[in-house]
Amino acid sequence: MKNYSEIAREYHSGFAKLAGDIPDTAKAFGALVGAATGDGVLSRKVKELIAFGIAITVRCDGCIAAHAAACHEAGATRQEVAEMVGVALLMGGGPSSVYGVEAMRAYDEVAAAKA
């Protein structure tokens, strides 16, 4: 079983190191993340659920780790995440079923750590 807390830590430390090499690009990426996921017509929660679903369909462990935490922080419930996984299955087929299970594990791991 994957440890999504560790995957998130490894990503963040790796990105911090990369940001030292490409500070302007990293700063621009951070601004894009904030602009794309902030509340607007769609809430931050809805946007994070969309990003989490995309993470499943592209099969990105680091993205799953990051967006599991972001969904939880944005107030997404386990049932909302489960329904999002259903949409990801629709769009991504069989491989998304594997990563959908991983996404639920990641969300549960984050929720348990915050409890």
C-alpha atoms as a PDB file:
ATOM      1  CA  MET A   1       0.000   0.000   0.000  1.00  0.00           C
ATOM      2  CA  LYS A   2       1.249   3.463  -0.880  1.00  0.00           C
ATOM      3  CA  ASN A   3       1.846   6.052   1.815  1.00  0.00           C
ATOM      4  CA  TYR A   4       0.298   9.215   0.405  1.00  0.00           C
ATOM      5  CA  SER A   5       1.527  11.407   3.243  1.00  0.00           C
ATOM      6  CA  GLU A   6       5.067  10.383   2.346  1.00  0.00           C
ATOM      7  CA  ILE A   7       4.412  10.831  -1.378  1.00  0.00           C
ATOM      8  CA  ALA A   8       3.181  14.370  -0.653  1.00  0.00           C
ATOM      9  CA  ARG A   9       6.243  15.144   1.500  1.00  0.00           C
ATOM     10  CA  GLU A  10       8.594  13.835  -1.199  1.00  0.00           C
ATOM     11  CA  TYR A  11       6.848  15.900  -3.865  1.00  0.00           C
ATOM     12  CA  HIS A  12       6.893  19.096  -1.814  1.00  0.00           C
ATOM     13  CA  SER A  13      10.548  18.744  -0.870  1.00  0.00           C
ATOM     14  CA  GLY A  14      11.466  17.907  -4.462  1.00  0.00           C
ATOM     15  CA  PHE A  15       9.475  20.840  -5.823  1.00  0.00           C
ATOM     16  CA  ALA A  16      11.056  23.178  -3.275  1.00  0.00           C
ATOM     17  CA  LYS A  17      14.467  22.096  -4.530  1.00  0.00           C
ATOM     18  CA  LEU A  18      13.383  22.539  -8.155  1.00  0.00           C
ATOM     19  CA  ALA A  19      11.968  25.974  -7.302  1.00  0.00           C
ATOM     20  CA  GLY A  20      15.467  26.996  -6.244  1.00  0.00           C
ATOM     21  CA  ASP A  21      16.617  26.226  -9.768  1.00  0.00           C
ATOM     22  CA  ILE A  22      13.671  27.840 -11.565  1.00  0.00           C
ATOM     23  CA  PRO A  23      12.268  30.409  -9.139  1.00  0.00           C
ATOM     24  CA  ASP A  24      10.319  32.469 -11.673  1.00  0.00           C
ATOM     25  CA  THR A  25       8.627  29.405 -13.139  1.00  0.00           C
ATOM     26  CA  ALA A  26       7.848  27.985  -9.692  1.00  0.00           C
ATOM     27  CA  LYS A  27       6.392  31.300  -8.546  1.00  0.00           C
ATOM     28  CA  ALA A  28       4.246  31.483 -11.692  1.00  0.00           C
ATOM     29  CA  PHE A  29       3.069  27.905 -11.169  1.00  0.00           C
ATOM     30  CA  GLY A  30       2.124  28.714  -7.575  1.00  0.00           C
ATOM     31  CA  ALA A  31       0.154  31.725  -8.776  1.00  0.00           C
ATOM     32  CA  LEU A  32      -1.608  29.550 -11.357  1.00  0.00           C
ATOM     33  CA  VAL A  33      -2.530  26.995  -8.693  1.00  0.00           C
ATOM     34  CA  GLY A  34      -3.977  29.729  -6.498  1.00  0.00           C
ATOM     35  CA  ALA A  35      -5.883  31.362  -9.344  1.00  0.00           C
ATOM     36  CA  ALA A  36      -7.235  28.083 -10.696  1.00  0.00           C
ATOM     37  CA  THR A  37      -8.355  26.623  -7.366  1.00  0.00           C
ATOM     38  CA  GLY A  38      -9.616  29.683  -5.512  1.00  0.00           C
ATOM     39  CA  ASP A  39     -13.297  30.315  -4.948  1.00  0.00           C
ATOM     40  CA  GLY A  40     -15.122  31.786  -7.910  1.00  0.00           C
ATOM     41  CA  VAL A  41     -18.333  30.769  -9.625  1.00  0.00           C
ATOM     42  CA  LEU A  42     -17.168  27.254  -8.756  1.00  0.00           C
ATOM     43  CA  SER A  43     -16.150  26.748  -5.157  1.00  0.00           C
ATOM     44  CA  ARG A  44     -12.643  25.726  -4.164  1.00  0.00           C
ATOM     45  CA  LYS A  45     -14.103  22.367  -3.102  1.00  0.00           C
ATOM     46  CA  VAL A  46     -15.613  21.700  -6.544  1.00  0.00           C
ATOM     47  CA  LYS A  47     -12.398  22.741  -8.270  1.00  0.00           C
ATOM     48  CA  GLU A  48     -10.332  20.438  -6.041  1.00  0.00           C
ATOM     49  CA  LEU A  49     -12.714  17.550  -6.731  1.00  0.00           C
ATOM     50  CA  ILE A  50     -12.230  18.181 -10.464  1.00  0.00           C
ATOM     51  CA  ALA A  51      -8.452  18.237 -10.043  1.00  0.00           C
ATOM     52  CA  PHE A  52      -8.607  15.044  -7.957  1.00  0.00           C
ATOM     53  CA  GLY A  53     -10.625  13.337 -10.705  1.00  0.00           C
ATOM     54  CA  ILE A  54      -8.085  14.384 -13.311  1.00  0.00           C
ATOM     55  CA  ALA A  55      -5.294  13.046 -11.077  1.00  0.00           C
ATOM     56  CA  ILE A  56      -7.034   9.663 -11.137  1.00  0.00           C
ATOM     57  CA  THR A  57      -7.444   9.602 -14.915  1.00  0.00           C
ATOM     58  CA  VAL A  58      -3.811  10.579 -15.560  1.00  0.00           C
ATOM     59  CA  ARG A  59      -2.636   8.136 -12.862  1.00  0.00           C
ATOM     60  CA  CYS A  60      -0.414  10.587 -10.954  1.00  0.00           C
ATOM     61  CA  ASP A  61       0.445   9.500  -7.401  1.00  0.00           C
ATOM     62  CA  GLY A  62       1.818  12.918  -6.446  1.00  0.00           C
ATOM     63  CA  CYS A  63      -1.313  14.629  -7.759  1.00  0.00           C
ATOM     64  CA  ILE A  64      -3.517  12.160  -5.895  1.00  0.00           C
ATOM     65  CA  ALA A  65      -1.614  12.867  -2.677  1.00  0.00           C
ATOM     66  CA  ALA A  66      -1.844  16.635  -3.119  1.00  0.00           C
ATOM     67  CA  HIS A  67      -5.485  16.773  -4.143  1.00  0.00           C
ATOM     68  CA  ALA A  68      -6.633  14.278  -1.501  1.00  0.00           C
ATOM     69  CA  ALA A  69      -5.334  16.707   1.096  1.00  0.00           C
ATOM     70  CA  ALA A  70      -6.694  19.744  -0.753  1.00  0.00           C
ATOM     71  CA  CYS A  71     -10.145  18.157  -1.084  1.00  0.00           C
ATOM     72  CA  HIS A  72     -10.218  17.348   2.609  1.00  0.00           C
ATOM     73  CA  GLU A  73      -9.068  20.865   3.528  1.00  0.00           C
ATOM     74  CA  ALA A  74     -11.732  22.319   1.222  1.00  0.00           C
ATOM     75  CA  GLY A  75     -14.413  20.367   3.086  1.00  0.00           C
ATOM     76  CA  ALA A  76     -15.135  17.566   0.619  1.00  0.00           C
ATOM     77  CA  THR A  77     -16.783  14.621   2.327  1.00  0.00           C
ATOM     78  CA  ARG A  78     -15.853  11.004   1.742  1.00  0.00           C
ATOM     79  CA  GLN A  79     -19.118  10.499  -0.147  1.00  0.00           C
ATOM     80  CA  GLU A  80     -18.394  13.476  -2.407  1.00  0.00           C
ATOM     81  CA  VAL A  81     -14.958  12.041  -3.144  1.00  0.00           C
ATOM     82  CA  ALA A  82     -16.492   8.615  -3.825  1.00  0.00           C
ATOM     83  CA  GLU A  83     -18.954  10.114  -6.316  1.00  0.00           C
ATOM     84  CA  MET A  84     -16.109  12.004  -8.001  1.00  0.00           C
ATOM     85  CA  VAL A  85     -14.283   8.671  -8.336  1.00  0.00           C
ATOM     86  CA  GLY A  86     -17.361   7.371 -10.150  1.00  0.00           C
ATOM     87  CA  VAL A  87     -17.065  10.188 -12.689  1.00  0.00           C
ATOM     88  CA  ALA A  88     -13.337   9.482 -13.061  1.00  0.00           C
ATOM     89  CA  LEU A  89     -14.210   5.846 -13.781  1.00  0.00           C
ATOM     90  CA  LEU A  90     -16.607   6.996 -16.484  1.00  0.00           C
ATOM     91  CA  MET A  91     -13.930   9.135 -18.108  1.00  0.00           C
ATOM     92  CA  GLY A  92     -10.886   6.940 -17.530  1.00  0.00           C
ATOM     93  CA  GLY A  93     -12.160   3.364 -17.738  1.00  0.00           C
ATOM     94  CA  GLY A  94     -10.544   0.372 -16.083  1.00  0.00           C
ATOM     95  CA  PRO A  95      -7.214   1.986 -15.168  1.00  0.00           C
ATOM     96  CA  SER A  96      -9.123   4.675 -13.314  1.00  0.00           C
ATOM     97  CA  SER A  97     -10.715   1.992 -11.155  1.00  0.00           C
ATOM     98  CA  VAL A  98      -7.252   1.136  -9.817  1.00  0.00           C
ATOM     99  CA  TYR A  99      -6.374   4.765  -9.183  1.00  0.00           C
ATOM    100  CA  GLY A 100      -9.863   5.484  -7.877  1.00  0.00           C
ATOM    101  CA  VAL A 101      -9.221   2.956  -5.124  1.00  0.00           C
ATOM    102  CA  GLU A 102      -5.870   4.644  -4.496  1.00  0.00           C
ATOM    103  CA  ALA A 103      -7.583   8.041  -4.360  1.00  0.00           C
ATOM    104  CA  MET A 104     -10.014   6.804  -1.715  1.00  0.00           C
ATOM    105  CA  ARG A 105      -7.100   5.384   0.293  1.00  0.00           C
ATOM    106  CA  ALA A 106      -5.302   8.728   0.025  1.00  0.00           C
ATOM    107  CA  TYR A 107      -8.386  10.648   1.158  1.00  0.00           C
ATOM    108  CA  ASP A 108      -8.945   8.245   4.069  1.00  0.00           C
ATOM    109  CA  GLU A 109      -5.280   8.584   5.068  1.00  0.00           C
ATOM    110  CA  VAL A 110      -5.540  12.381   5.130  1.00  0.00           C
ATOM    111  CA  ALA A 111      -8.854  12.299   7.012  1.00  0.00           C
ATOM    112  CA  ALA A 112      -7.459   9.917   9.628  1.00  0.00           C
ATOM    113  CA  ALA A 113      -4.365  12.057  10.125  1.00  0.00           C
ATOM    114  CA  LYS A 114      -6.503  15.179  10.628  1.00  0.00           C
ATOM    115  CA  ALA A 115      -8.940  13.443  13.029  1.00  0.00           C
END
